[in-house]
Amino acid sequence: MGGIREPLRELIECGLPQALEVMGERWSFMILRASFNGLKHFEEFLSELGIARNILSNRLAKLVDHGILKREPCADDRRKIEYRLTEKGFDLLPAMISLRQWGQKYGSEFVSEDPVLVDEFDRLPIGPVSILSHNGRILGHTDLHMVRRADVGRRADGTVAKPAGALAKGDVVDIEAVKRAAAS
């Protein structure tokens, strides 16, 4: 990732330290994983995760404070509280899947997961989470470059690139066509 470097000491200028402030420890991720698996009640988290009550209470409060989960009274018993994912929480799904895939690939033991995460449409396993360019090309670490905001879109040869239409949910990226174009 040549070019300029991020100011690594300036924590405010990057989203990573801000994300780690909220999610940077194991139990927050495990609670989030449990939420994606449909858990909503304090006692469910407690028994399924094997987490200490005080740690669970602390982490749930932090996730609620940061808008990742919201507290709502149960529909059938208003005395009980449910913890539900917010839009901000659902936006963490790609990061969760990416970390999971990384753990499957590089973990100390072979992981053969059952159940398998599949696409609802055709029920086939999902592909690897990838870094996509603005037009859907799959990028690797050698394709990434840091530039100042004022230089976004300015190519190395001085020409100016125009952004393609953004990809949206349900868009299909033809991976084989991208590979053929990159090879030529």
Protein backbone atom coordinates (compact mmCIF):
# COMPACT_ATOMS: atom_id res chain seq x y z
CA MET A 1 0.00 0.00 0.00
CA GLY A 2 2.56 2.50 -1.22
CA GLY A 3 2.20 6.23 -1.54
CA ILE A 4 1.57 8.15 1.62
CA ARG A 5 1.17 6.57 5.05
CA GLU A 6 -1.61 7.02 7.52
CA PRO A 7 -0.70 9.16 10.53
CA LEU A 8 -0.46 6.16 12.84
CA ARG A 9 -0.32 8.15 16.08
CA GLU A 10 -3.46 10.11 15.29
CA LEU A 11 -6.22 7.83 16.52
CA ILE A 12 -9.06 10.17 15.55
CA GLU A 13 -8.13 10.24 11.85
CA CYS A 14 -8.87 6.54 11.30
CA GLY A 15 -11.98 4.43 11.76
CA LEU A 16 -10.08 1.38 13.01
CA PRO A 17 -9.24 2.69 16.51
CA GLN A 18 -12.82 3.94 16.81
CA ALA A 19 -14.18 0.50 15.87
CA LEU A 20 -11.77 -1.22 18.24
CA GLU A 21 -12.88 1.07 21.06
CA VAL A 22 -16.33 -0.48 20.73
CA MET A 23 -15.61 -4.00 19.46
CA GLY A 24 -11.98 -4.61 20.39
CA GLU A 25 -12.37 -7.54 22.73
CA ARG A 26 -13.52 -11.13 22.47
CA TRP A 27 -16.81 -11.01 24.36
CA SER A 28 -18.22 -8.15 22.30
CA PHE A 29 -17.68 -10.23 19.16
CA MET A 30 -19.14 -13.34 20.78
CA ILE A 31 -22.26 -11.42 21.87
CA LEU A 32 -22.58 -10.00 18.36
CA ARG A 33 -22.22 -13.51 16.89
CA ALA A 34 -24.92 -14.76 19.26
CA SER A 35 -27.17 -11.86 18.20
CA PHE A 36 -26.70 -12.80 14.54
CA ASN A 37 -27.75 -16.31 15.60
CA GLY A 38 -31.02 -15.04 17.05
CA LEU A 39 -30.26 -14.71 20.77
CA LYS A 40 -32.06 -11.76 22.36
CA HIS A 41 -32.37 -12.31 26.10
CA PHE A 42 -29.79 -11.81 28.83
CA GLU A 43 -30.26 -15.34 30.17
CA GLU A 44 -29.84 -16.82 26.66
CA PHE A 45 -26.51 -15.02 26.21
CA LEU A 46 -25.46 -16.09 29.70
CA SER A 47 -26.16 -19.80 29.21
CA GLU A 48 -25.11 -20.11 25.54
CA LEU A 49 -21.84 -18.18 25.84
CA GLY A 50 -20.72 -19.28 29.30
CA ILE A 51 -19.85 -15.69 30.12
CA ALA A 52 -19.78 -14.22 33.63
CA ARG A 53 -22.91 -12.22 34.49
CA ASN A 54 -21.01 -8.99 35.26
CA ILE A 55 -18.98 -9.16 32.02
CA LEU A 56 -22.12 -9.84 29.98
CA SER A 57 -23.93 -6.94 31.62
CA ASN A 58 -20.98 -4.63 30.95
CA ARG A 59 -20.57 -5.68 27.29
CA LEU A 60 -24.29 -5.49 26.53
CA ALA A 61 -24.43 -1.99 28.01
CA LYS A 62 -21.44 -0.93 25.90
CA LEU A 63 -22.97 -2.35 22.72
CA VAL A 64 -26.24 -0.56 23.49
CA ASP A 65 -24.42 2.71 24.32
CA HIS A 66 -22.68 2.56 20.94
CA GLY A 67 -25.91 1.83 19.04
CA ILE A 68 -24.98 -1.70 17.93
CA LEU A 69 -27.75 -3.30 19.97
CA LYS A 70 -30.95 -1.75 21.26
CA ARG A 71 -32.91 -2.68 24.36
CA GLU A 72 -36.61 -3.32 23.84
CA PRO A 73 -39.32 -4.73 26.08
CA CYS A 74 -40.47 -8.23 25.03
CA ALA A 75 -43.74 -8.24 23.15
CA ASP A 76 -45.17 -11.11 25.24
CA ASP A 77 -43.80 -10.02 28.63
CA ARG A 78 -43.09 -6.29 28.97
CA ARG A 79 -41.04 -6.95 32.15
CA LYS A 80 -38.38 -8.78 30.09
CA ILE A 81 -35.85 -7.01 27.91
CA GLU A 82 -34.68 -8.07 24.45
CA TYR A 83 -31.38 -7.01 22.90
CA ARG A 84 -31.85 -6.53 19.17
CA LEU A 85 -29.36 -5.67 16.46
CA THR A 86 -29.62 -2.18 15.01
CA GLU A 87 -28.74 -1.21 11.44
CA LYS A 88 -25.32 -0.25 12.79
CA GLY A 89 -25.02 -3.74 14.29
CA PHE A 90 -26.06 -5.45 11.06
CA ASP A 91 -23.38 -3.42 9.25
CA LEU A 92 -20.78 -5.39 11.24
CA LEU A 93 -21.80 -8.65 9.52
CA PRO A 94 -19.19 -8.46 6.72
CA ALA A 95 -16.44 -7.85 9.30
CA MET A 96 -17.68 -10.78 11.39
CA ILE A 97 -17.80 -13.11 8.38
CA SER A 98 -14.37 -11.96 7.25
CA LEU A 99 -12.86 -12.65 10.69
CA ARG A 100 -14.60 -16.03 10.80
CA GLN A 101 -13.23 -16.99 7.38
CA TRP A 102 -9.76 -15.85 8.42
CA GLY A 103 -9.99 -18.01 11.55
CA GLN A 104 -11.12 -21.01 9.49
CA LYS A 105 -8.19 -20.54 7.11
CA TYR A 106 -5.41 -19.75 9.59
CA GLY A 107 -6.64 -21.16 12.91
CA SER A 108 -4.40 -23.60 14.73
CA GLU A 109 -6.81 -26.46 14.04
CA PHE A 110 -8.80 -27.38 10.93
CA VAL A 111 -12.34 -26.08 11.36
CA SER A 112 -15.14 -27.90 9.54
CA GLU A 113 -18.18 -25.89 10.45
CA ASP A 114 -21.65 -27.33 10.68
CA PRO A 115 -24.01 -25.62 10.07
CA VAL A 116 -22.57 -23.89 6.99
CA LEU A 117 -23.30 -20.25 6.10
CA VAL A 118 -25.04 -20.23 2.71
CA ASP A 119 -26.73 -17.81 0.33
CA GLU A 120 -30.51 -17.90 0.98
CA PHE A 121 -31.27 -17.89 -2.77
CA ASP A 122 -29.44 -21.03 -3.89
CA ARG A 123 -28.33 -22.48 -0.53
CA LEU A 124 -24.69 -22.76 -1.61
CA PRO A 125 -21.83 -21.68 0.70
CA ILE A 126 -20.94 -17.99 0.55
CA GLY A 127 -17.70 -16.98 -1.11
CA PRO A 128 -14.80 -15.33 0.66
CA VAL A 129 -15.31 -11.76 1.81
CA SER A 130 -13.34 -9.61 -0.59
CA ILE A 131 -12.22 -6.04 -1.03
CA LEU A 132 -14.07 -4.65 -4.04
CA SER A 133 -13.23 -1.61 -6.11
CA HIS A 134 -15.88 0.98 -6.88
CA ASN A 135 -16.87 -1.02 -9.99
CA GLY A 136 -16.81 -4.50 -8.43
CA ARG A 137 -13.28 -5.65 -9.26
CA ILE A 138 -11.81 -7.89 -6.57
CA LEU A 139 -8.70 -6.27 -5.12
CA GLY A 140 -5.69 -7.73 -3.37
CA HIS A 141 -3.24 -5.98 -1.05
CA THR A 142 -1.02 -4.96 -3.99
CA ASP A 143 -3.97 -3.16 -5.61
CA LEU A 144 -4.41 -0.77 -2.67
CA HIS A 145 -2.82 2.66 -2.44
CA MET A 146 -3.18 5.57 0.00
CA VAL A 147 -3.70 9.07 -1.43
CA ARG A 148 -4.73 12.40 -0.01
CA ARG A 149 -8.42 13.13 -0.29
CA ALA A 150 -7.69 15.88 -2.84
CA ASP A 151 -6.04 13.27 -5.11
CA VAL A 152 -8.86 10.71 -5.10
CA GLY A 153 -9.53 9.67 -8.70
CA ARG A 154 -6.26 11.08 -10.05
CA ARG A 155 -4.36 8.20 -11.64
CA ALA A 156 -0.56 7.84 -11.60
CA ASP A 157 -0.45 8.96 -15.27
CA GLY A 158 -2.37 12.16 -14.44
CA THR A 159 -5.72 11.17 -15.97
CA VAL A 160 -8.83 11.39 -13.84
CA ALA A 161 -11.05 8.37 -13.21
CA LYS A 162 -14.80 8.62 -13.00
CA PRO A 163 -16.53 6.44 -10.40
CA ALA A 164 -18.77 3.66 -11.66
CA GLY A 165 -22.25 3.19 -10.31
CA ALA A 166 -22.09 1.81 -6.79
CA LEU A 167 -22.73 -1.86 -6.18
CA ALA A 168 -25.92 -2.59 -4.30
CA LYS A 169 -27.38 -5.56 -2.46
CA GLY A 170 -28.21 -8.28 -4.96
CA ASP A 171 -25.79 -7.05 -7.66
CA VAL A 172 -23.77 -9.84 -9.19
CA VAL A 173 -20.05 -9.50 -9.76
CA ASP A 174 -18.83 -11.76 -12.59
CA ILE A 175 -15.68 -13.02 -10.88
CA GLU A 176 -14.49 -14.94 -13.94
CA ALA A 177 -14.84 -11.84 -16.16
CA VAL A 178 -12.88 -9.80 -13.61
CA LYS A 179 -10.13 -12.45 -13.59
CA ARG A 180 -10.00 -12.50 -17.42
CA ALA A 181 -9.81 -8.70 -17.59
CA ALA A 182 -7.00 -8.63 -15.02
CA ALA A 183 -5.04 -11.28 -16.94
CA SER A 184 -5.19 -9.37 -20.23
